[in-house]
Amino acid sequence: MVGPGAPDRPHQVIVAPMRAKDLSMVLPIEEAVFPEPWSRRLFADELAQRMSRAYRAAWIGRRIVGFAGQMFIDDETHVNNIAVDPAWHGRRLGTVLLLDLARTALAHGARHLTLEVRVGNEPALALYARFGLAPVGVRPNYYPEGGDALIMWARDIDSDQYAQRLAAVERSLPHDLEVITRR
């Protein structure tokens, strides 16, 4: 059995499009990670918008261990969510997912990347900084339970300089992760 505690074997991570049938594995992660989780219906509605959205799931073996989604607006992409099963935190799967979102955004012609993140979420802020996202403002009371969100942007993700950043992020992934991307 492959699990987070098997240190000697590389973990093959397959990042692939999220499907409606995957929601039975996605929803428990959503509920474990977010205080106000999205509903099955909201996910289904998002997945149905194939032209303006991209949702991706990270698989290890037969289990989804993380997921992420984004929407496309003109030449921008907005990260809607990114979550990793708490049993897999600290293994850089968030990096794998954000790297995949950035490349998916580029394939859709995006030039800029944006997202909101809870003020004080230090692990997420560190992740986003590695991808060149910088705070540009605050959305007060953004979250349903009242927390503020930082608005973050990375501009010109279609540049050679950003391609070098993505390559460096990819090189920094742990050697015990073998990432396979399926479109």
Protein backbone atom coordinates (compact mmCIF):
# COMPACT_ATOMS: atom_id res chain seq x y z
CA MET A 1 0.00 0.00 0.00
CA VAL A 2 1.30 3.43 -0.92
CA GLY A 3 1.03 6.00 1.84
CA PRO A 4 2.68 9.11 3.18
CA GLY A 5 4.88 7.05 5.49
CA ALA A 6 6.59 4.91 2.80
CA PRO A 7 9.92 6.80 2.53
CA ASP A 8 11.99 4.45 0.35
CA ARG A 9 9.72 4.29 -2.70
CA PRO A 10 8.97 7.19 -5.00
CA HIS A 11 5.35 8.25 -5.01
CA GLN A 12 3.93 8.43 -8.50
CA VAL A 13 1.61 11.46 -8.57
CA ILE A 14 -0.74 11.61 -11.52
CA VAL A 15 -2.33 15.01 -12.10
CA ALA A 16 -5.37 14.71 -14.33
CA PRO A 17 -8.65 16.47 -15.06
CA MET A 18 -11.12 16.26 -12.18
CA ARG A 19 -14.39 14.56 -13.12
CA ALA A 20 -17.80 14.61 -11.42
CA LYS A 21 -17.27 10.98 -10.38
CA ASP A 22 -14.16 12.11 -8.43
CA LEU A 23 -16.21 14.25 -6.06
CA SER A 24 -16.66 11.35 -3.60
CA MET A 25 -12.89 11.62 -2.92
CA VAL A 26 -12.62 15.40 -3.35
CA LEU A 27 -15.36 16.40 -0.90
CA PRO A 28 -13.76 14.80 2.20
CA ILE A 29 -10.54 16.71 1.46
CA GLU A 30 -12.53 19.93 0.94
CA GLU A 31 -14.32 19.38 4.26
CA ALA A 32 -11.08 18.61 6.11
CA VAL A 33 -9.24 21.65 4.79
CA PHE A 34 -11.78 24.49 4.59
CA PRO A 35 -13.99 25.83 7.41
CA GLU A 36 -16.73 26.64 4.86
CA PRO A 37 -16.40 23.82 2.30
CA TRP A 38 -17.91 23.90 -1.15
CA SER A 39 -20.91 21.67 -1.75
CA ARG A 40 -21.13 18.81 -4.24
CA ARG A 41 -23.49 20.97 -6.31
CA LEU A 42 -21.06 23.89 -6.44
CA PHE A 43 -18.26 21.59 -7.59
CA ALA A 44 -20.55 20.01 -10.19
CA ASP A 45 -21.55 23.44 -11.49
CA GLU A 46 -17.89 24.45 -11.75
CA LEU A 47 -16.93 21.21 -13.52
CA ALA A 48 -19.71 21.77 -16.07
CA GLN A 49 -18.10 25.05 -17.20
CA ARG A 50 -15.40 23.36 -19.27
CA MET A 51 -14.58 26.36 -21.49
CA SER A 52 -13.90 28.79 -18.64
CA ARG A 53 -12.70 26.46 -15.87
CA ALA A 54 -10.05 23.82 -15.29
CA TYR A 55 -10.16 21.52 -12.27
CA ARG A 56 -7.35 19.07 -11.64
CA ALA A 57 -6.95 16.16 -9.24
CA ALA A 58 -3.71 14.68 -7.90
CA TRP A 59 -3.79 10.91 -7.60
CA ILE A 60 -1.44 8.59 -5.74
CA GLY A 61 -2.46 5.05 -6.46
CA ARG A 62 -6.25 4.88 -6.48
CA ARG A 63 -6.73 7.85 -4.15
CA ILE A 64 -7.11 11.55 -4.81
CA VAL A 65 -4.72 13.31 -2.43
CA GLY A 66 -5.30 16.87 -3.61
CA PHE A 67 -7.09 19.04 -6.11
CA ALA A 68 -7.08 22.54 -7.55
CA GLY A 69 -9.23 24.65 -9.81
CA GLN A 70 -9.07 27.85 -11.78
CA MET A 71 -11.19 30.03 -14.02
CA PHE A 72 -10.12 31.92 -17.11
CA ILE A 73 -11.15 35.52 -17.74
CA ASP A 74 -9.65 37.19 -20.82
CA ASP A 75 -5.87 36.93 -20.36
CA GLU A 76 -6.07 36.16 -16.64
CA THR A 77 -6.50 33.02 -14.61
CA HIS A 78 -7.97 33.03 -11.12
CA VAL A 79 -7.14 30.17 -8.77
CA ASN A 80 -10.46 29.22 -7.18
CA ASN A 81 -9.15 26.59 -4.81
CA ILE A 82 -6.26 24.34 -3.99
CA ALA A 83 -6.30 21.68 -1.29
CA VAL A 84 -4.23 18.68 -0.19
CA ASP A 85 -5.41 15.84 2.02
CA PRO A 86 -4.07 16.62 5.53
CA ALA A 87 -2.39 13.18 5.62
CA TRP A 88 -0.22 14.39 2.71
CA HIS A 89 0.59 17.90 3.97
CA GLY A 90 4.26 18.79 3.87
CA ARG A 91 5.01 16.60 0.84
CA ARG A 92 4.92 19.52 -1.68
CA LEU A 93 1.73 18.34 -3.38
CA GLY A 94 0.44 21.92 -3.23
CA THR A 95 3.48 22.89 -5.29
CA VAL A 96 2.72 20.09 -7.78
CA LEU A 97 -0.87 21.31 -8.13
CA LEU A 98 0.00 25.01 -8.48
CA LEU A 99 2.69 24.17 -11.03
CA ASP A 100 0.05 22.27 -12.99
CA LEU A 101 -2.41 25.18 -12.75
CA ALA A 102 0.22 27.63 -14.01
CA ARG A 103 0.98 25.42 -17.01
CA THR A 104 -2.72 24.87 -17.69
CA ALA A 105 -3.24 28.64 -17.54
CA LEU A 106 -0.45 29.19 -20.07
CA ALA A 107 -2.00 26.59 -22.37
CA HIS A 108 -5.23 28.61 -22.22
CA GLY A 109 -3.40 31.83 -23.17
CA ALA A 110 -3.33 33.40 -19.71
CA ARG A 111 -0.78 36.13 -19.07
CA HIS A 112 -1.56 36.83 -15.42
CA LEU A 113 -2.36 34.71 -12.37
CA THR A 114 -4.38 35.82 -9.34
CA LEU A 115 -5.90 34.37 -6.19
CA GLU A 116 -7.09 35.23 -2.71
CA VAL A 117 -5.57 33.71 0.41
CA ARG A 118 -6.51 34.00 4.06
CA VAL A 119 -4.43 36.62 5.87
CA GLY A 120 -2.01 34.73 8.12
CA ASN A 121 -2.02 31.44 6.16
CA GLU A 122 1.77 31.24 6.23
CA PRO A 123 2.19 27.87 4.42
CA ALA A 124 0.02 29.07 1.52
CA LEU A 125 1.74 32.47 1.42
CA ALA A 126 5.15 30.77 1.21
CA LEU A 127 3.90 28.53 -1.60
CA TYR A 128 2.47 31.45 -3.56
CA ALA A 129 5.64 33.52 -3.10
CA ARG A 130 7.66 30.73 -4.77
CA PHE A 131 5.38 31.23 -7.79
CA GLY A 132 5.99 34.98 -7.84
CA LEU A 133 2.59 35.93 -6.46
CA ALA A 134 2.71 39.18 -4.51
CA PRO A 135 0.05 40.86 -2.36
CA VAL A 136 -1.67 43.84 -3.97
CA GLY A 137 -4.58 44.42 -1.58
CA VAL A 138 -6.94 43.05 1.04
CA ARG A 139 -10.55 41.90 0.78
CA PRO A 140 -12.02 42.53 4.25
CA ASN A 141 -14.38 39.83 5.56
CA TYR A 142 -13.88 37.81 2.37
CA TYR A 143 -14.51 34.46 4.00
CA PRO A 144 -17.98 33.47 5.23
CA GLU A 145 -16.78 33.23 8.83
CA GLY A 146 -15.33 36.75 8.57
CA GLY A 147 -11.62 36.35 7.78
CA ASP A 148 -9.80 38.80 5.52
CA ALA A 149 -8.11 37.72 2.29
CA LEU A 150 -4.96 38.98 0.64
CA ILE A 151 -5.32 39.53 -3.10
CA MET A 152 -2.20 38.23 -4.84
CA TRP A 153 -1.03 38.56 -8.44
CA ALA A 154 1.75 37.23 -10.65
CA ARG A 155 1.99 39.25 -13.86
CA ASP A 156 3.48 38.18 -17.20
CA ILE A 157 3.44 34.46 -16.52
CA ASP A 158 3.92 34.02 -20.28
CA SER A 159 7.43 35.53 -20.12
CA ASP A 160 10.75 33.69 -20.40
CA GLN A 161 11.59 34.85 -16.87
CA TYR A 162 8.45 33.20 -15.49
CA ALA A 163 9.19 30.02 -17.46
CA GLN A 164 12.56 29.93 -15.69
CA ARG A 165 10.78 30.38 -12.34
CA LEU A 166 8.47 27.43 -13.11
CA ALA A 167 11.44 25.29 -14.15
CA ALA A 168 13.20 26.14 -10.87
CA VAL A 169 10.07 25.28 -8.88
CA GLU A 170 9.85 21.96 -10.70
CA ARG A 171 13.53 21.19 -10.00
CA SER A 172 12.89 21.88 -6.30
CA LEU A 173 10.29 19.11 -6.00
CA PRO A 174 11.31 16.21 -3.75
CA HIS A 175 13.06 13.34 -5.51
CA ASP A 176 10.56 10.90 -4.04
CA LEU A 177 7.75 12.37 -6.18
CA GLU A 178 7.38 11.23 -9.75
CA VAL A 179 4.84 13.57 -11.37
CA ILE A 180 2.88 12.52 -14.44
CA THR A 181 0.52 15.00 -16.07
CA ARG A 182 -2.50 13.93 -18.04
CA ARG A 183 -4.51 16.42 -20.02
